[in-house]
């Protein structure tokens, strides 16, 4: 990670980008200058801004990656429907909430909820 931070710093220090530079580095800031400091900062401040999906994906029964069938049933388990972003086989191209809401409507018709 330190190499990546240093590479970006070098990139922004080029003459070609000087006119785009507004202020001093904000994140992580120049107080973090050694590789060890940068690594510690990145590890302590890392988090995801992505919406996790597809952790128990819906698919065809003969697909080894399938956890949930088309009726929202967990394969090999009875009585536990999965109707949320975890069952998406692919990540939606936008925030997943509208897709989750639509999937819930369809699933409620399928499972009779």
PDB file of N, CA and C in Angstrom:
ATOM      1  N   UNK A   1       0.813  -1.191   0.000  1.00  0.00           N
ATOM      2  CA  UNK A   1       0.000   0.000   0.000  1.00  0.00           C
ATOM      3  C   UNK A   1       0.860   1.259   0.000  1.00  0.00           C
ATOM      4  N   UNK A   2       1.948   1.214   0.713  1.00  0.00           N
ATOM      5  CA  UNK A   2       2.813   2.393   0.763  1.00  0.00           C
ATOM      6  C   UNK A   2       3.325   2.734  -0.627  1.00  0.00           C
ATOM      7  N   UNK A   3       3.656   1.721  -1.404  1.00  0.00           N
ATOM      8  CA  UNK A   3       4.139   1.964  -2.767  1.00  0.00           C
ATOM      9  C   UNK A   3       3.060   2.647  -3.601  1.00  0.00           C
ATOM     10  N   UNK A   4       1.817   2.250  -3.417  1.00  0.00           N
ATOM     11  CA  UNK A   4       0.711   2.870  -4.159  1.00  0.00           C
ATOM     12  C   UNK A   4       0.531   4.328  -3.757  1.00  0.00           C
ATOM     13  N   UNK A   5       0.555   4.596  -2.461  1.00  0.00           N
ATOM     14  CA  UNK A   5       0.422   5.973  -1.987  1.00  0.00           C
ATOM     15  C   UNK A   5       1.562   6.824  -2.525  1.00  0.00           C
ATOM     16  N   UNK A   6       2.771   6.309  -2.462  1.00  0.00           N
ATOM     17  CA  UNK A   6       3.922   7.063  -2.968  1.00  0.00           C
ATOM     18  C   UNK A   6       3.838   7.279  -4.473  1.00  0.00           C
ATOM     19  N   UNK A   7       3.323   6.291  -5.199  1.00  0.00           N
ATOM     20  CA  UNK A   7       3.165   6.428  -6.651  1.00  0.00           C
ATOM     21  C   UNK A   7       2.158   7.540  -6.977  1.00  0.00           C
ATOM     22  N   UNK A   8       1.055   7.572  -6.260  1.00  0.00           N
ATOM     23  CA  UNK A   8       0.056   8.625  -6.480  1.00  0.00           C
ATOM     24  C   UNK A   8       0.643   9.988  -6.128  1.00  0.00           C
ATOM     25  N   UNK A   9       1.403  10.056  -5.063  1.00  0.00           N
ATOM     26  CA  UNK A   9       2.051  11.321  -4.697  1.00  0.00           C
ATOM     27  C   UNK A   9       2.986  11.799  -5.807  1.00  0.00           C
ATOM     28  N   UNK A  10       3.780  10.882  -6.350  1.00  0.00           N
ATOM     29  CA  UNK A  10       4.684  11.240  -7.453  1.00  0.00           C
ATOM     30  C   UNK A  10       3.895  11.692  -8.677  1.00  0.00           C
ATOM     31  N   UNK A  11       2.802  11.007  -8.963  1.00  0.00           N
ATOM     32  CA  UNK A  11       1.960  11.341 -10.106  1.00  0.00           C
ATOM     33  C   UNK A  11       1.414  12.762  -9.979  1.00  0.00           C
ATOM     34  N   UNK A  12       0.889  13.107  -8.797  1.00  0.00           N
ATOM     35  CA  UNK A  12       0.332  14.440  -8.596  1.00  0.00           C
ATOM     36  C   UNK A  12       1.403  15.525  -8.494  1.00  0.00           C
ATOM     37  N   UNK A  13       2.633  15.139  -8.276  1.00  0.00           N
ATOM     38  CA  UNK A  13       3.724  16.113  -8.196  1.00  0.00           C
ATOM     39  C   UNK A  13       4.282  16.478  -9.570  1.00  0.00           C
ATOM     40  N   UNK A  14       3.825  15.822 -10.628  1.00  0.00           N
ATOM     41  CA  UNK A  14       4.333  16.114 -11.970  1.00  0.00           C
ATOM     42  C   UNK A  14       3.876  17.499 -12.423  1.00  0.00           C
ATOM     43  N   UNK A  15       4.646  18.083 -13.328  1.00  0.00           N
ATOM     44  CA  UNK A  15       4.294  19.399 -13.867  1.00  0.00           C
ATOM     45  C   UNK A  15       2.914  19.392 -14.524  1.00  0.00           C
ATOM     46  N   UNK A  16       2.578  18.294 -15.188  1.00  0.00           N
ATOM     47  CA  UNK A  16       1.302  18.214 -15.903  1.00  0.00           C
ATOM     48  C   UNK A  16       0.096  18.351 -14.976  1.00  0.00           C
ATOM     49  N   UNK A  17       0.243  17.964 -13.723  1.00  0.00           N
ATOM     50  CA  UNK A  17      -0.900  18.019 -12.809  1.00  0.00           C
ATOM     51  C   UNK A  17      -0.861  19.182 -11.829  1.00  0.00           C
ATOM     52  N   UNK A  18       0.156  20.006 -11.899  1.00  0.00           N
ATOM     53  CA  UNK A  18       0.259  21.108 -10.942  1.00  0.00           C
ATOM     54  C   UNK A  18      -0.929  22.062 -11.018  1.00  0.00           C
ATOM     55  N   UNK A  19      -1.461  22.298 -12.213  1.00  0.00           N
ATOM     56  CA  UNK A  19      -2.595  23.222 -12.326  1.00  0.00           C
ATOM     57  C   UNK A  19      -3.882  22.627 -11.748  1.00  0.00           C
ATOM     58  N   UNK A  20      -3.908  21.317 -11.530  1.00  0.00           N
ATOM     59  CA  UNK A  20      -5.088  20.670 -10.962  1.00  0.00           C
ATOM     60  C   UNK A  20      -5.007  20.534  -9.442  1.00  0.00           C
ATOM     61  N   UNK A  21      -3.854  20.809  -8.887  1.00  0.00           N
ATOM     62  CA  UNK A  21      -3.667  20.667  -7.450  1.00  0.00           C
ATOM     63  C   UNK A  21      -4.232  21.891  -6.750  1.00  0.00           C
ATOM     64  N   UNK A  22      -5.160  21.669  -5.840  1.00  0.00           N
ATOM     65  CA  UNK A  22      -5.833  22.769  -5.154  1.00  0.00           C
ATOM     66  C   UNK A  22      -5.173  23.081  -3.818  1.00  0.00           C
ATOM     67  N   UNK A  23      -4.789  22.043  -3.094  1.00  0.00           N
ATOM     68  CA  UNK A  23      -4.292  22.233  -1.739  1.00  0.00           C
ATOM     69  C   UNK A  23      -3.320  21.108  -1.416  1.00  0.00           C
ATOM     70  N   UNK A  24      -2.794  21.130  -0.208  1.00  0.00           N
ATOM     71  CA  UNK A  24      -1.909  20.057   0.223  1.00  0.00           C
ATOM     72  C   UNK A  24      -2.680  18.742   0.322  1.00  0.00           C
ATOM     73  N   UNK A  25      -1.927  17.675   0.309  1.00  0.00           N
ATOM     74  CA  UNK A  25      -2.530  16.347   0.435  1.00  0.00           C
ATOM     75  C   UNK A  25      -3.352  16.261   1.713  1.00  0.00           C
ATOM     76  N   UNK A  26      -4.560  15.757   1.564  1.00  0.00           N
ATOM     77  CA  UNK A  26      -5.469  15.646   2.703  1.00  0.00           C
ATOM     78  C   UNK A  26      -5.437  14.262   3.340  1.00  0.00           C
ATOM     79  N   UNK A  27      -5.364  13.244   2.522  1.00  0.00           N
ATOM     80  CA  UNK A  27      -5.500  11.866   3.008  1.00  0.00           C
ATOM     81  C   UNK A  27      -4.428  10.997   2.386  1.00  0.00           C
ATOM     82  N   UNK A  28      -3.482  10.432   3.056  1.00  0.00           N
ATOM     83  CA  UNK A  28      -3.326  10.429   4.502  1.00  0.00           C
ATOM     84  C   UNK A  28      -2.632  11.668   5.047  1.00  0.00           C
ATOM     85  N   UNK A  29      -2.108  12.512   4.192  1.00  0.00           N
ATOM     86  CA  UNK A  29      -1.423  13.718   4.640  1.00  0.00           C
ATOM     87  C   UNK A  29       0.073  13.484   4.738  1.00  0.00           C
ATOM     88  N   UNK A  30       0.816  14.565   4.651  1.00  0.00           N
ATOM     89  CA  UNK A  30       2.272  14.437   4.620  1.00  0.00           C
ATOM     90  C   UNK A  30       2.889  14.100   5.971  1.00  0.00           C
ATOM     91  N   UNK A  31       2.099  14.070   7.037  1.00  0.00           N
ATOM     92  CA  UNK A  31       2.624  13.606   8.322  1.00  0.00           C
ATOM     93  C   UNK A  31       2.970  12.128   8.266  1.00  0.00           C
ATOM     94  N   UNK A  32       2.430  11.447   7.282  1.00  0.00           N
ATOM     95  CA  UNK A  32       2.708  10.027   7.083  1.00  0.00           C
ATOM     96  C   UNK A  32       3.697   9.921   5.933  1.00  0.00           C
ATOM     97  N   UNK A  33       4.970   9.818   6.262  1.00  0.00           N
ATOM     98  CA  UNK A  33       5.979   9.868   5.207  1.00  0.00           C
ATOM     99  C   UNK A  33       6.756   8.571   5.032  1.00  0.00           C
ATOM    100  N   UNK A  34       6.935   7.805   6.083  1.00  0.00           N
ATOM    101  CA  UNK A  34       7.672   6.546   5.926  1.00  0.00           C
ATOM    102  C   UNK A  34       6.709   5.450   5.479  1.00  0.00           C
ATOM    103  N   UNK A  35       7.260   4.418   4.874  1.00  0.00           N
ATOM    104  CA  UNK A  35       6.424   3.298   4.438  1.00  0.00           C
ATOM    105  C   UNK A  35       5.672   2.685   5.614  1.00  0.00           C
ATOM    106  N   UNK A  36       6.331   2.555   6.746  1.00  0.00           N
ATOM    107  CA  UNK A  36       5.685   1.968   7.930  1.00  0.00           C
ATOM    108  C   UNK A  36       4.519   2.837   8.407  1.00  0.00           C
ATOM    109  N   UNK A  37       4.693   4.154   8.405  1.00  0.00           N
ATOM    110  CA  UNK A  37       3.613   5.055   8.820  1.00  0.00           C
ATOM    111  C   UNK A  37       2.420   4.960   7.867  1.00  0.00           C
ATOM    112  N   UNK A  38       2.729   4.915   6.575  1.00  0.00           N
ATOM    113  CA  UNK A  38       1.660   4.819   5.574  1.00  0.00           C
ATOM    114  C   UNK A  38       0.916   3.498   5.722  1.00  0.00           C
ATOM    115  N   UNK A  39       1.657   2.402   5.865  1.00  0.00           N
ATOM    116  CA  UNK A  39       1.031   1.081   6.032  1.00  0.00           C
ATOM    117  C   UNK A  39       0.132   1.060   7.267  1.00  0.00           C
ATOM    118  N   UNK A  40       0.624   1.590   8.382  1.00  0.00           N
ATOM    119  CA  UNK A  40      -0.175   1.631   9.612  1.00  0.00           C
ATOM    120  C   UNK A  40      -1.443   2.458   9.414  1.00  0.00           C
ATOM    121  N   UNK A  41      -1.291   3.602   8.743  1.00  0.00           N
ATOM    122  CA  UNK A  41      -2.452   4.462   8.504  1.00  0.00           C
ATOM    123  C   UNK A  41      -3.489   3.755   7.641  1.00  0.00           C
ATOM    124  N   UNK A  42      -3.047   3.150   6.552  1.00  0.00           N
ATOM    125  CA  UNK A  42      -3.980   2.479   5.646  1.00  0.00           C
ATOM    126  C   UNK A  42      -4.691   1.338   6.366  1.00  0.00           C
ATOM    127  N   UNK A  43      -3.947   0.534   7.107  1.00  0.00           N
ATOM    128  CA  UNK A  43      -4.560  -0.597   7.810  1.00  0.00           C
ATOM    129  C   UNK A  43      -5.543  -0.141   8.888  1.00  0.00           C
ATOM    130  N   UNK A  44      -5.256   0.961   9.550  1.00  0.00           N
ATOM    131  CA  UNK A  44      -6.143   1.411  10.627  1.00  0.00           C
ATOM    132  C   UNK A  44      -7.350   2.195  10.113  1.00  0.00           C
ATOM    133  N   UNK A  45      -7.300   2.677   8.884  1.00  0.00           N
ATOM    134  CA  UNK A  45      -8.413   3.481   8.376  1.00  0.00           C
ATOM    135  C   UNK A  45      -9.177   2.799   7.249  1.00  0.00           C
ATOM    136  N   UNK A  46      -8.804   1.583   6.915  1.00  0.00           N
ATOM    137  CA  UNK A  46      -9.434   0.887   5.801  1.00  0.00           C
ATOM    138  C   UNK A  46     -10.860   0.473   6.139  1.00  0.00           C
ATOM    139  N   UNK A  47     -11.754   0.719   5.223  1.00  0.00           N
ATOM    140  CA  UNK A  47     -13.108   0.174   5.285  1.00  0.00           C
ATOM    141  C   UNK A  47     -13.675   0.172   3.873  1.00  0.00           C
ATOM    142  N   UNK A  48     -14.776  -0.465   3.709  1.00  0.00           N
ATOM    143  CA  UNK A  48     -15.374  -0.527   2.387  1.00  0.00           C
ATOM    144  C   UNK A  48     -16.529   0.453   2.282  1.00  0.00           C
ATOM    145  N   UNK A  49     -16.674   1.029   1.114  1.00  0.00           N
ATOM    146  CA  UNK A  49     -17.830   1.873   0.848  1.00  0.00           C
ATOM    147  C   UNK A  49     -18.772   1.165  -0.117  1.00  0.00           C
ATOM    148  N   UNK A  50     -18.447  -0.061  -0.423  1.00  0.00           N
ATOM    149  CA  UNK A  50     -19.258  -0.830  -1.361  1.00  0.00           C
ATOM    150  C   UNK A  50     -20.346  -1.574  -0.617  1.00  0.00           C
ATOM    151  N   UNK A  51     -21.379  -1.912  -1.321  1.00  0.00           N
ATOM    152  CA  UNK A  51     -22.499  -2.649  -0.756  1.00  0.00           C
ATOM    153  C   UNK A  51     -22.291  -4.119  -1.067  1.00  0.00           C
ATOM    154  N   UNK A  52     -22.033  -4.889  -0.051  1.00  0.00           N
ATOM    155  CA  UNK A  52     -21.763  -6.308  -0.245  1.00  0.00           C
ATOM    156  C   UNK A  52     -23.002  -7.020  -0.766  1.00  0.00           C
ATOM    157  N   UNK A  53     -22.796  -7.837  -1.768  1.00  0.00           N
ATOM    158  CA  UNK A  53     -23.871  -8.641  -2.339  1.00  0.00           C
ATOM    159  C   UNK A  53     -23.291  -9.973  -2.772  1.00  0.00           C
ATOM    160  N   UNK A  54     -24.177 -10.858  -3.180  1.00  0.00           N
ATOM    161  CA  UNK A  54     -23.800 -12.098  -3.869  1.00  0.00           C
ATOM    162  C   UNK A  54     -23.011 -13.078  -3.011  1.00  0.00           C
ATOM    163  N   UNK A  55     -23.201 -13.060  -1.701  1.00  0.00           N
ATOM    164  CA  UNK A  55     -22.458 -13.977  -0.834  1.00  0.00           C
ATOM    165  C   UNK A  55     -23.096 -15.351  -0.736  1.00  0.00           C
ATOM    166  N   UNK A  56     -24.366 -15.470  -1.094  1.00  0.00           N
ATOM    167  CA  UNK A  56     -25.020 -16.791  -1.185  1.00  0.00           C
ATOM    168  C   UNK A  56     -25.920 -16.759  -2.417  1.00  0.00           C
ATOM    169  N   UNK A  57     -25.285 -16.761  -3.556  1.00  0.00           N
ATOM    170  CA  UNK A  57     -25.963 -16.404  -4.784  1.00  0.00           C
ATOM    171  C   UNK A  57     -27.005 -17.399  -5.269  1.00  0.00           C
ATOM    172  N   UNK A  58     -28.037 -16.819  -5.895  1.00  0.00           N
ATOM    173  CA  UNK A  58     -29.115 -17.582  -6.504  1.00  0.00           C
ATOM    174  C   UNK A  58     -28.650 -18.034  -7.878  1.00  0.00           C
ATOM    175  N   UNK A  59     -29.009 -19.244  -8.234  1.00  0.00           N
ATOM    176  CA  UNK A  59     -28.621 -19.731  -9.549  1.00  0.00           C
ATOM    177  C   UNK A  59     -29.240 -21.073  -9.861  1.00  0.00           C
ATOM    178  N   UNK A  60     -28.657 -21.732 -10.853  1.00  0.00           N
ATOM    179  CA  UNK A  60     -29.130 -23.045 -11.264  1.00  0.00           C
ATOM    180  C   UNK A  60     -28.698 -24.094 -10.244  1.00  0.00           C
ATOM    181  N   UNK A  61     -29.544 -25.066 -10.009  1.00  0.00           N
ATOM    182  CA  UNK A  61     -29.275 -26.082  -8.986  1.00  0.00           C
ATOM    183  C   UNK A  61     -28.002 -26.870  -9.279  1.00  0.00           C
ATOM    184  N   UNK A  62     -27.677 -27.078 -10.551  1.00  0.00           N
ATOM    185  CA  UNK A  62     -26.478 -27.856 -10.884  1.00  0.00           C
ATOM    186  C   UNK A  62     -25.199 -27.022 -10.883  1.00  0.00           C
ATOM    187  N   UNK A  63     -25.287 -25.737 -10.586  1.00  0.00           N
ATOM    188  CA  UNK A  63     -24.111 -24.865 -10.503  1.00  0.00           C
ATOM    189  C   UNK A  63     -23.536 -24.969  -9.091  1.00  0.00           C
ATOM    190  N   UNK A  64     -22.251 -25.277  -8.981  1.00  0.00           N
ATOM    191  CA  UNK A  64     -21.631 -25.466  -7.659  1.00  0.00           C
ATOM    192  C   UNK A  64     -21.580 -24.180  -6.832  1.00  0.00           C
ATOM    193  N   UNK A  65     -21.728 -23.019  -7.468  1.00  0.00           N
ATOM    194  CA  UNK A  65     -21.722 -21.752  -6.739  1.00  0.00           C
ATOM    195  C   UNK A  65     -23.105 -21.354  -6.219  1.00  0.00           C
ATOM    196  N   UNK A  66     -24.127 -22.087  -6.607  1.00  0.00           N
ATOM    197  CA  UNK A  66     -25.493 -21.753  -6.213  1.00  0.00           C
ATOM    198  C   UNK A  66     -25.763 -22.145  -4.763  1.00  0.00           C
ATOM    199  N   UNK A  67     -26.336 -21.213  -4.014  1.00  0.00           N
ATOM    200  CA  UNK A  67     -26.736 -21.456  -2.631  1.00  0.00           C
ATOM    201  C   UNK A  67     -28.258 -21.372  -2.504  1.00  0.00           C
ATOM    202  N   UNK A  68     -28.867 -20.530  -3.331  1.00  0.00           N
ATOM    203  CA  UNK A  68     -30.303 -20.275  -3.275  1.00  0.00           C
ATOM    204  C   UNK A  68     -30.912 -20.586  -4.638  1.00  0.00           C
ATOM    205  N   UNK A  69     -32.059 -21.286  -4.645  1.00  0.00           N
ATOM    206  CA  UNK A  69     -32.710 -21.588  -5.923  1.00  0.00           C
ATOM    207  C   UNK A  69     -33.648 -20.448  -6.337  1.00  0.00           C
ATOM    208  N   UNK A  70     -34.317 -20.603  -7.471  1.00  0.00           N
ATOM    209  CA  UNK A  70     -35.168 -19.549  -8.024  1.00  0.00           C
ATOM    210  C   UNK A  70     -36.414 -19.276  -7.185  1.00  0.00           C
ATOM    211  N   UNK A  71     -36.705 -20.126  -6.221  1.00  0.00           N
ATOM    212  CA  UNK A  71     -37.826 -19.897  -5.308  1.00  0.00           C
ATOM    213  C   UNK A  71     -37.343 -19.353  -3.960  1.00  0.00           C
ATOM    214  N   UNK A  72     -36.134 -18.861  -3.915  1.00  0.00           N
ATOM    215  CA  UNK A  72     -35.522 -18.243  -2.729  1.00  0.00           C
ATOM    216  C   UNK A  72     -35.241 -19.239  -1.618  1.00  0.00           C
ATOM    217  N   UNK A  73     -35.172 -20.525  -1.948  1.00  0.00           N
ATOM    218  CA  UNK A  73     -34.906 -21.563  -0.941  1.00  0.00           C
ATOM    219  C   UNK A  73     -33.406 -21.845  -0.871  1.00  0.00           C
ATOM    220  N   UNK A  74     -32.888 -21.943   0.337  1.00  0.00           N
ATOM    221  CA  UNK A  74     -31.490 -22.323   0.532  1.00  0.00           C
ATOM    222  C   UNK A  74     -31.381 -23.811   0.237  1.00  0.00           C
ATOM    223  N   UNK A  75     -30.475 -24.172  -0.654  1.00  0.00           N
ATOM    224  CA  UNK A  75     -30.324 -25.573  -1.026  1.00  0.00           C
ATOM    225  C   UNK A  75     -29.871 -26.396   0.174  1.00  0.00           C
ATOM    226  N   UNK A  76     -30.546 -27.510   0.416  1.00  0.00           N
ATOM    227  CA  UNK A  76     -30.187 -28.399   1.512  1.00  0.00           C
ATOM    228  C   UNK A  76     -30.738 -28.003   2.863  1.00  0.00           C
ATOM    229  N   UNK A  77     -31.488 -26.906   2.918  1.00  0.00           N
ATOM    230  CA  UNK A  77     -32.065 -26.433   4.177  1.00  0.00           C
ATOM    231  C   UNK A  77     -33.534 -26.107   3.908  1.00  0.00           C
ATOM    232  N   UNK A  78     -34.404 -26.469   4.816  1.00  0.00           N
ATOM    233  CA  UNK A  78     -35.818 -26.155   4.592  1.00  0.00           C
ATOM    234  C   UNK A  78     -36.276 -25.025   5.503  1.00  0.00           C
ATOM    235  N   UNK A  79     -37.206 -24.234   4.983  1.00  0.00           N
ATOM    236  CA  UNK A  79     -37.833 -23.193   5.787  1.00  0.00           C
ATOM    237  C   UNK A  79     -37.068 -21.902   5.941  1.00  0.00           C
ATOM    238  N   UNK A  80     -35.996 -21.701   5.179  1.00  0.00           N
ATOM    239  CA  UNK A  80     -35.228 -20.458   5.300  1.00  0.00           C
ATOM    240  C   UNK A  80     -35.087 -19.819   3.919  1.00  0.00           C
ATOM    241  N   UNK A  81     -36.015 -18.950   3.538  1.00  0.00           N
ATOM    242  CA  UNK A  81     -35.841 -18.251   2.268  1.00  0.00           C
ATOM    243  C   UNK A  81     -34.819 -17.118   2.417  1.00  0.00           C
ATOM    244  N   UNK A  82     -34.079 -16.878   1.373  1.00  0.00           N
ATOM    245  CA  UNK A  82     -33.116 -15.771   1.350  1.00  0.00           C
ATOM    246  C   UNK A  82     -33.608 -14.764   0.317  1.00  0.00           C
ATOM    247  N   UNK A  83     -33.987 -13.591   0.799  1.00  0.00           N
ATOM    248  CA  UNK A  83     -34.489 -12.551  -0.089  1.00  0.00           C
ATOM    249  C   UNK A  83     -33.793 -11.248   0.282  1.00  0.00           C
ATOM    250  N   UNK A  84     -32.578 -11.113  -0.149  1.00  0.00           N
ATOM    251  CA  UNK A  84     -31.842  -9.870   0.039  1.00  0.00           C
ATOM    252  C   UNK A  84     -30.691  -9.836  -0.950  1.00  0.00           C
ATOM    253  N   UNK A  85     -29.827  -8.855  -0.818  1.00  0.00           N
ATOM    254  CA  UNK A  85     -28.734  -8.675  -1.770  1.00  0.00           C
ATOM    255  C   UNK A  85     -27.751  -9.834  -1.769  1.00  0.00           C
ATOM    256  N   UNK A  86     -27.728 -10.624  -0.708  1.00  0.00           N
ATOM    257  CA  UNK A  86     -26.823 -11.773  -0.654  1.00  0.00           C
ATOM    258  C   UNK A  86     -27.126 -12.771  -1.757  1.00  0.00           C
ATOM    259  N   UNK A  87     -28.388 -12.865  -2.175  1.00  0.00           N
ATOM    260  CA  UNK A  87     -28.785 -13.847  -3.183  1.00  0.00           C
ATOM    261  C   UNK A  87     -28.561 -13.374  -4.616  1.00  0.00           C
ATOM    262  N   UNK A  88     -28.163 -12.137  -4.811  1.00  0.00           N
ATOM    263  CA  UNK A  88     -27.928 -11.654  -6.173  1.00  0.00           C
ATOM    264  C   UNK A  88     -26.771 -12.426  -6.790  1.00  0.00           C
ATOM    265  N   UNK A  89     -26.957 -12.994  -7.976  1.00  0.00           N
ATOM    266  CA  UNK A  89     -25.838 -13.681  -8.616  1.00  0.00           C
ATOM    267  C   UNK A  89     -24.787 -12.700  -9.147  1.00  0.00           C
ATOM    268  N   UNK A  90     -25.203 -11.471  -9.419  1.00  0.00           N
ATOM    269  CA  UNK A  90     -24.303 -10.431  -9.922  1.00  0.00           C
ATOM    270  C   UNK A  90     -24.565  -9.133  -9.170  1.00  0.00           C
ATOM    271  N   UNK A  91     -23.558  -8.304  -9.073  1.00  0.00           N
ATOM    272  CA  UNK A  91     -23.693  -7.010  -8.418  1.00  0.00           C
ATOM    273  C   UNK A  91     -24.522  -6.075  -9.290  1.00  0.00           C
ATOM    274  N   UNK A  92     -25.573  -5.456  -8.742  1.00  0.00           N
ATOM    275  CA  UNK A  92     -26.346  -4.499  -9.537  1.00  0.00           C
ATOM    276  C   UNK A  92     -25.469  -3.307  -9.929  1.00  0.00           C
ATOM    277  N   UNK A  93     -25.772  -2.655 -11.056  1.00  0.00           N
ATOM    278  CA  UNK A  93     -24.931  -1.544 -11.513  1.00  0.00           C
ATOM    279  C   UNK A  93     -25.085  -0.270 -10.693  1.00  0.00           C
ATOM    280  N   UNK A  94     -26.040  -0.233  -9.791  1.00  0.00           N
ATOM    281  CA  UNK A  94     -26.270   0.943  -8.952  1.00  0.00           C
ATOM    282  C   UNK A  94     -26.437   0.488  -7.505  1.00  0.00           C
ATOM    283  N   UNK A  95     -26.812   1.419  -6.654  1.00  0.00           N
ATOM    284  CA  UNK A  95     -27.100   1.075  -5.263  1.00  0.00           C
ATOM    285  C   UNK A  95     -28.113  -0.067  -5.259  1.00  0.00           C
ATOM    286  N   UNK A  96     -27.903  -1.109  -4.468  1.00  0.00           N
ATOM    287  CA  UNK A  96     -28.745  -2.308  -4.567  1.00  0.00           C
ATOM    288  C   UNK A  96     -30.146  -2.200  -3.961  1.00  0.00           C
ATOM    289  N   UNK A  97     -30.491  -1.113  -3.279  1.00  0.00           N
ATOM    290  CA  UNK A  97     -31.757  -1.087  -2.552  1.00  0.00           C
ATOM    291  C   UNK A  97     -32.972  -1.245  -3.453  1.00  0.00           C
ATOM    292  N   UNK A  98     -32.969  -0.645  -4.640  1.00  0.00           N
ATOM    293  CA  UNK A  98     -34.138  -0.790  -5.514  1.00  0.00           C
ATOM    294  C   UNK A  98     -34.257  -2.225  -6.010  1.00  0.00           C
ATOM    295  N   UNK A  99     -33.126  -2.866  -6.279  1.00  0.00           N
ATOM    296  CA  UNK A  99     -33.150  -4.258  -6.712  1.00  0.00           C
ATOM    297  C   UNK A  99     -33.607  -5.157  -5.571  1.00  0.00           C
ATOM    298  N   UNK A 100     -33.173  -4.873  -4.351  1.00  0.00           N
ATOM    299  CA  UNK A 100     -33.624  -5.642  -3.187  1.00  0.00           C
ATOM    300  C   UNK A 100     -35.139  -5.500  -3.025  1.00  0.00           C
ATOM    301  N   UNK A 101     -35.649  -4.291  -3.130  1.00  0.00           N
ATOM    302  CA  UNK A 101     -37.092  -4.066  -2.984  1.00  0.00           C
ATOM    303  C   UNK A 101     -37.881  -4.827  -4.037  1.00  0.00           C
ATOM    304  N   UNK A 102     -37.391  -4.813  -5.265  1.00  0.00           N
ATOM    305  CA  UNK A 102     -38.061  -5.534  -6.345  1.00  0.00           C
ATOM    306  C   UNK A 102     -37.992  -7.040  -6.103  1.00  0.00           C
ATOM    307  N   UNK A 103     -36.841  -7.528  -5.688  1.00  0.00           N
ATOM    308  CA  UNK A 103     -36.679  -8.961  -5.409  1.00  0.00           C
ATOM    309  C   UNK A 103     -37.597  -9.395  -4.268  1.00  0.00           C
ATOM    310  N   UNK A 104     -37.747  -8.551  -3.263  1.00  0.00           N
ATOM    311  CA  UNK A 104     -38.639  -8.880  -2.148  1.00  0.00           C
ATOM    312  C   UNK A 104     -40.084  -9.004  -2.616  1.00  0.00           C
ATOM    313  N   UNK A 105     -40.498  -8.127  -3.519  1.00  0.00           N
ATOM    314  CA  UNK A 105     -41.861  -8.189  -4.047  1.00  0.00           C
ATOM    315  C   UNK A 105     -42.068  -9.493  -4.811  1.00  0.00           C
ATOM    316  N   UNK A 106     -41.140  -9.834  -5.670  1.00  0.00           N
ATOM    317  CA  UNK A 106     -41.251 -11.076  -6.442  1.00  0.00           C
ATOM    318  C   UNK A 106     -41.236 -12.281  -5.503  1.00  0.00           C
ATOM    319  N   UNK A 107     -40.315 -12.276  -4.548  1.00  0.00           N
ATOM    320  CA  UNK A 107     -40.200 -13.410  -3.627  1.00  0.00           C
ATOM    321  C   UNK A 107     -41.446 -13.564  -2.764  1.00  0.00           C
ATOM    322  N   UNK A 108     -42.056 -12.459  -2.377  1.00  0.00           N
ATOM    323  CA  UNK A 108     -43.271 -12.573  -1.561  1.00  0.00           C
ATOM    324  C   UNK A 108     -44.382 -13.255  -2.352  1.00  0.00           C
ATOM    325  N   UNK A 109     -44.425 -13.015  -3.661  1.00  0.00           N
ATOM    326  CA  UNK A 109     -45.394 -13.712  -4.508  1.00  0.00           C
ATOM    327  C   UNK A 109     -45.054 -15.197  -4.613  1.00  0.00           C
ATOM    328  N   UNK A 110     -43.760 -15.508  -4.705  1.00  0.00           N
ATOM    329  CA  UNK A 110     -43.322 -16.903  -4.864  1.00  0.00           C
ATOM    330  C   UNK A 110     -43.541 -17.704  -3.589  1.00  0.00           C
ATOM    331  N   UNK A 111     -43.129 -17.146  -2.448  1.00  0.00           N
ATOM    332  CA  UNK A 111     -43.202 -17.919  -1.200  1.00  0.00           C
ATOM    333  C   UNK A 111     -44.502 -17.688  -0.437  1.00  0.00           C
ATOM    334  N   UNK A 112     -45.329 -16.784  -0.953  1.00  0.00           N
ATOM    335  CA  UNK A 112     -46.632 -16.557  -0.337  1.00  0.00           C
ATOM    336  C   UNK A 112     -46.585 -15.796   0.961  1.00  0.00           C
ATOM    337  N   UNK A 113     -45.636 -14.911   1.084  1.00  0.00           N
ATOM    338  CA  UNK A 113     -45.516 -14.135   2.330  1.00  0.00           C
ATOM    339  C   UNK A 113     -46.433 -12.935   2.316  1.00  0.00           C
TER     340      UNK A 113
END
